[in-house]
């Protein structure tokens, strides 16, 4: 990841908003009580900012991608169900949605901003004109 604060901040904002929506959708599944969007956004922002910085600096300082990618991924998967006390069924919906949306946002930033280090285990084809 380049040292471009605007690109890094844009990824943090986009991933925070997407994660907050995933939290809200999963929590409200089958009549559940969704947290306020502000609370969901606060937790999502915490996860996104810390996760992205951990990933960026973990890669910079030579950590294996299995570490600098897995730690933020585990935080993403475990923190919201615990913080919002999701039932098992809602937590399962959350995990499925989180797994489904992660490649989408990674691919969007790969193609929109040319970032190629986000999915180290999946090589996306370059689009040429």
C-alpha atoms as a PDB file:
ATOM      1  CA  UNK A   1       0.000   0.000   0.000  1.00  0.00           C
ATOM      2  CA  UNK A   2       1.434   3.298  -0.955  1.00  0.00           C
ATOM      3  CA  UNK A   3       1.906   6.071   1.593  1.00  0.00           C
ATOM      4  CA  UNK A   4      -0.996   8.050   0.198  1.00  0.00           C
ATOM      5  CA  UNK A   5      -3.112   9.287   3.128  1.00  0.00           C
ATOM      6  CA  UNK A   6      -6.091  10.144   0.909  1.00  0.00           C
ATOM      7  CA  UNK A   7      -6.264   6.632  -0.539  1.00  0.00           C
ATOM      8  CA  UNK A   8      -5.790   5.038   2.864  1.00  0.00           C
ATOM      9  CA  UNK A   9      -8.447   7.275   4.427  1.00  0.00           C
ATOM     10  CA  UNK A  10     -10.868   6.573   1.573  1.00  0.00           C
ATOM     11  CA  UNK A  11     -10.471   2.853   2.115  1.00  0.00           C
ATOM     12  CA  UNK A  12     -11.029   3.295   5.866  1.00  0.00           C
ATOM     13  CA  UNK A  13     -14.209   5.304   5.265  1.00  0.00           C
ATOM     14  CA  UNK A  14     -15.596   2.907   2.648  1.00  0.00           C
ATOM     15  CA  UNK A  15     -14.834  -0.206   4.669  1.00  0.00           C
ATOM     16  CA  UNK A  16     -16.275   1.363   7.839  1.00  0.00           C
ATOM     17  CA  UNK A  17     -19.548   2.236   6.121  1.00  0.00           C
ATOM     18  CA  UNK A  18     -19.846  -1.187   4.508  1.00  0.00           C
ATOM     19  CA  UNK A  19     -19.072  -2.974   7.773  1.00  0.00           C
ATOM     20  CA  UNK A  20     -21.595  -0.831   9.674  1.00  0.00           C
ATOM     21  CA  UNK A  21     -24.272  -1.791   7.146  1.00  0.00           C
ATOM     22  CA  UNK A  22     -23.360  -5.468   7.461  1.00  0.00           C
ATOM     23  CA  UNK A  23     -23.580  -5.222  11.267  1.00  0.00           C
ATOM     24  CA  UNK A  24     -26.977  -3.520  11.075  1.00  0.00           C
ATOM     25  CA  UNK A  25     -28.375  -5.982   8.544  1.00  0.00           C
ATOM     26  CA  UNK A  26     -27.216  -9.025  10.485  1.00  0.00           C
ATOM     27  CA  UNK A  27     -28.416  -7.677  13.836  1.00  0.00           C
ATOM     28  CA  UNK A  28     -31.869  -6.937  12.422  1.00  0.00           C
ATOM     29  CA  UNK A  29     -32.187 -10.379  10.798  1.00  0.00           C
ATOM     30  CA  UNK A  30     -35.561 -12.004  11.585  1.00  0.00           C
ATOM     31  CA  UNK A  31     -36.845  -9.167  13.710  1.00  0.00           C
ATOM     32  CA  UNK A  32     -33.711  -8.590  15.751  1.00  0.00           C
ATOM     33  CA  UNK A  33     -32.924  -5.217  17.230  1.00  0.00           C
ATOM     34  CA  UNK A  34     -30.242  -3.497  15.171  1.00  0.00           C
ATOM     35  CA  UNK A  35     -27.852  -1.198  16.997  1.00  0.00           C
ATOM     36  CA  UNK A  36     -28.026   2.457  16.092  1.00  0.00           C
ATOM     37  CA  UNK A  37     -26.149   3.200  12.911  1.00  0.00           C
ATOM     38  CA  UNK A  38     -23.857   5.464  14.933  1.00  0.00           C
ATOM     39  CA  UNK A  39     -22.864   2.611  17.287  1.00  0.00           C
ATOM     40  CA  UNK A  40     -22.396   0.216  14.373  1.00  0.00           C
ATOM     41  CA  UNK A  41     -20.311   2.824  12.574  1.00  0.00           C
ATOM     42  CA  UNK A  42     -18.175   3.431  15.674  1.00  0.00           C
ATOM     43  CA  UNK A  43     -17.330  -0.266  16.024  1.00  0.00           C
ATOM     44  CA  UNK A  44     -16.832  -0.634  12.275  1.00  0.00           C
ATOM     45  CA  UNK A  45     -14.528   2.395  12.200  1.00  0.00           C
ATOM     46  CA  UNK A  46     -12.461   1.037  15.075  1.00  0.00           C
ATOM     47  CA  UNK A  47     -12.071  -2.289  13.279  1.00  0.00           C
ATOM     48  CA  UNK A  48     -11.335  -0.670   9.910  1.00  0.00           C
ATOM     49  CA  UNK A  49      -8.822   1.904  11.088  1.00  0.00           C
ATOM     50  CA  UNK A  50      -6.883  -0.469  13.334  1.00  0.00           C
ATOM     51  CA  UNK A  51      -7.118  -3.298  10.797  1.00  0.00           C
ATOM     52  CA  UNK A  52      -5.936  -1.218   7.862  1.00  0.00           C
ATOM     53  CA  UNK A  53      -3.070   0.303   9.837  1.00  0.00           C
ATOM     54  CA  UNK A  54      -2.080  -3.128  11.167  1.00  0.00           C
ATOM     55  CA  UNK A  55      -2.150  -4.506   7.633  1.00  0.00           C
ATOM     56  CA  UNK A  56      -0.231  -1.579   6.178  1.00  0.00           C
ATOM     57  CA  UNK A  57       2.495  -1.501   8.785  1.00  0.00           C
ATOM     58  CA  UNK A  58       2.545  -5.265   9.218  1.00  0.00           C
ATOM     59  CA  UNK A  59       3.404  -5.606   5.539  1.00  0.00           C
ATOM     60  CA  UNK A  60       5.893  -2.723   5.731  1.00  0.00           C
ATOM     61  CA  UNK A  61       7.711  -4.312   8.659  1.00  0.00           C
ATOM     62  CA  UNK A  62       7.873  -7.712   7.003  1.00  0.00           C
ATOM     63  CA  UNK A  63       5.163  -9.696   8.766  1.00  0.00           C
ATOM     64  CA  UNK A  64       3.826 -12.616   6.780  1.00  0.00           C
ATOM     65  CA  UNK A  65       0.563 -11.823   5.006  1.00  0.00           C
ATOM     66  CA  UNK A  66      -1.028 -14.685   6.955  1.00  0.00           C
ATOM     67  CA  UNK A  67      -0.507 -12.568  10.081  1.00  0.00           C
ATOM     68  CA  UNK A  68      -1.121  -9.027   8.877  1.00  0.00           C
ATOM     69  CA  UNK A  69      -4.251 -10.140   7.029  1.00  0.00           C
ATOM     70  CA  UNK A  70      -5.613 -12.667   9.552  1.00  0.00           C
ATOM     71  CA  UNK A  71      -5.513 -10.508  12.671  1.00  0.00           C
ATOM     72  CA  UNK A  72      -7.759  -7.764  11.216  1.00  0.00           C
ATOM     73  CA  UNK A  73      -9.970 -10.426   9.611  1.00  0.00           C
ATOM     74  CA  UNK A  74     -10.456 -12.152  12.962  1.00  0.00           C
ATOM     75  CA  UNK A  75     -11.270  -8.820  14.621  1.00  0.00           C
ATOM     76  CA  UNK A  76     -13.808  -8.167  11.869  1.00  0.00           C
ATOM     77  CA  UNK A  77     -15.432 -11.553  12.353  1.00  0.00           C
ATOM     78  CA  UNK A  78     -15.404 -11.724  16.154  1.00  0.00           C
ATOM     79  CA  UNK A  79     -15.763  -8.210  17.540  1.00  0.00           C
ATOM     80  CA  UNK A  80     -19.220  -7.147  16.249  1.00  0.00           C
ATOM     81  CA  UNK A  81     -21.042 -10.343  17.328  1.00  0.00           C
ATOM     82  CA  UNK A  82     -19.527  -9.993  20.816  1.00  0.00           C
ATOM     83  CA  UNK A  83     -20.003  -6.220  21.177  1.00  0.00           C
ATOM     84  CA  UNK A  84     -23.610  -6.308  19.943  1.00  0.00           C
ATOM     85  CA  UNK A  85     -24.409  -9.654  21.631  1.00  0.00           C
ATOM     86  CA  UNK A  86     -25.755 -11.212  18.472  1.00  0.00           C
ATOM     87  CA  UNK A  87     -27.564 -14.498  18.757  1.00  0.00           C
ATOM     88  CA  UNK A  88     -25.853 -17.460  17.130  1.00  0.00           C
ATOM     89  CA  UNK A  89     -28.143 -17.201  14.105  1.00  0.00           C
ATOM     90  CA  UNK A  90     -27.511 -13.454  13.672  1.00  0.00           C
ATOM     91  CA  UNK A  91     -23.771 -13.936  14.228  1.00  0.00           C
ATOM     92  CA  UNK A  92     -23.789 -16.574  11.510  1.00  0.00           C
ATOM     93  CA  UNK A  93     -25.583 -14.177   9.146  1.00  0.00           C
ATOM     94  CA  UNK A  94     -23.025 -11.515  10.049  1.00  0.00           C
ATOM     95  CA  UNK A  95     -20.073 -13.824   9.289  1.00  0.00           C
ATOM     96  CA  UNK A  96     -21.582 -14.858   5.945  1.00  0.00           C
ATOM     97  CA  UNK A  97     -22.203 -11.219   4.975  1.00  0.00           C
ATOM     98  CA  UNK A  98     -18.731 -10.176   6.125  1.00  0.00           C
ATOM     99  CA  UNK A  99     -17.133 -12.936   4.053  1.00  0.00           C
ATOM    100  CA  UNK A 100     -19.311 -12.052   1.054  1.00  0.00           C
ATOM    101  CA  UNK A 101     -18.590  -8.326   1.123  1.00  0.00           C
ATOM    102  CA  UNK A 102     -14.853  -8.478   1.833  1.00  0.00           C
ATOM    103  CA  UNK A 103     -13.797  -9.590  -1.662  1.00  0.00           C
ATOM    104  CA  UNK A 104     -16.166  -7.058  -3.201  1.00  0.00           C
ATOM    105  CA  UNK A 105     -14.625  -4.065  -1.451  1.00  0.00           C
ATOM    106  CA  UNK A 106     -11.112  -5.397  -2.025  1.00  0.00           C
ATOM    107  CA  UNK A 107     -11.812  -5.837  -5.737  1.00  0.00           C
ATOM    108  CA  UNK A 108     -13.433  -2.396  -5.944  1.00  0.00           C
ATOM    109  CA  UNK A 109     -10.336  -0.751  -4.531  1.00  0.00           C
ATOM    110  CA  UNK A 110      -8.055  -2.915  -6.671  1.00  0.00           C
ATOM    111  CA  UNK A 111      -9.792  -1.751  -9.841  1.00  0.00           C
ATOM    112  CA  UNK A 112     -10.647   1.801  -8.751  1.00  0.00           C
ATOM    113  CA  UNK A 113      -7.327   2.717  -7.147  1.00  0.00           C
ATOM    114  CA  UNK A 114      -4.900   0.131  -8.472  1.00  0.00           C
ATOM    115  CA  UNK A 115      -4.144  -1.354  -5.060  1.00  0.00           C
ATOM    116  CA  UNK A 116      -2.928  -4.887  -5.670  1.00  0.00           C
ATOM    117  CA  UNK A 117      -1.832  -5.957  -2.193  1.00  0.00           C
ATOM    118  CA  UNK A 118      -5.241  -6.416  -0.613  1.00  0.00           C
ATOM    119  CA  UNK A 119      -5.979  -9.975  -1.655  1.00  0.00           C
ATOM    120  CA  UNK A 120      -2.561 -11.631  -1.498  1.00  0.00           C
ATOM    121  CA  UNK A 121      -4.028 -15.093  -2.065  1.00  0.00           C
ATOM    122  CA  UNK A 122      -6.214 -14.089  -5.016  1.00  0.00           C
ATOM    123  CA  UNK A 123      -4.723 -12.537  -8.121  1.00  0.00           C
ATOM    124  CA  UNK A 124      -7.256 -10.384  -9.944  1.00  0.00           C
ATOM    125  CA  UNK A 125      -6.820  -9.786 -13.655  1.00  0.00           C
ATOM    126  CA  UNK A 126      -5.876  -6.293 -14.757  1.00  0.00           C
ATOM    127  CA  UNK A 127      -8.326  -4.490 -16.982  1.00  0.00           C
ATOM    128  CA  UNK A 128      -6.700  -3.053 -20.079  1.00  0.00           C
ATOM    129  CA  UNK A 129      -8.097  -0.625 -22.584  1.00  0.00           C
END
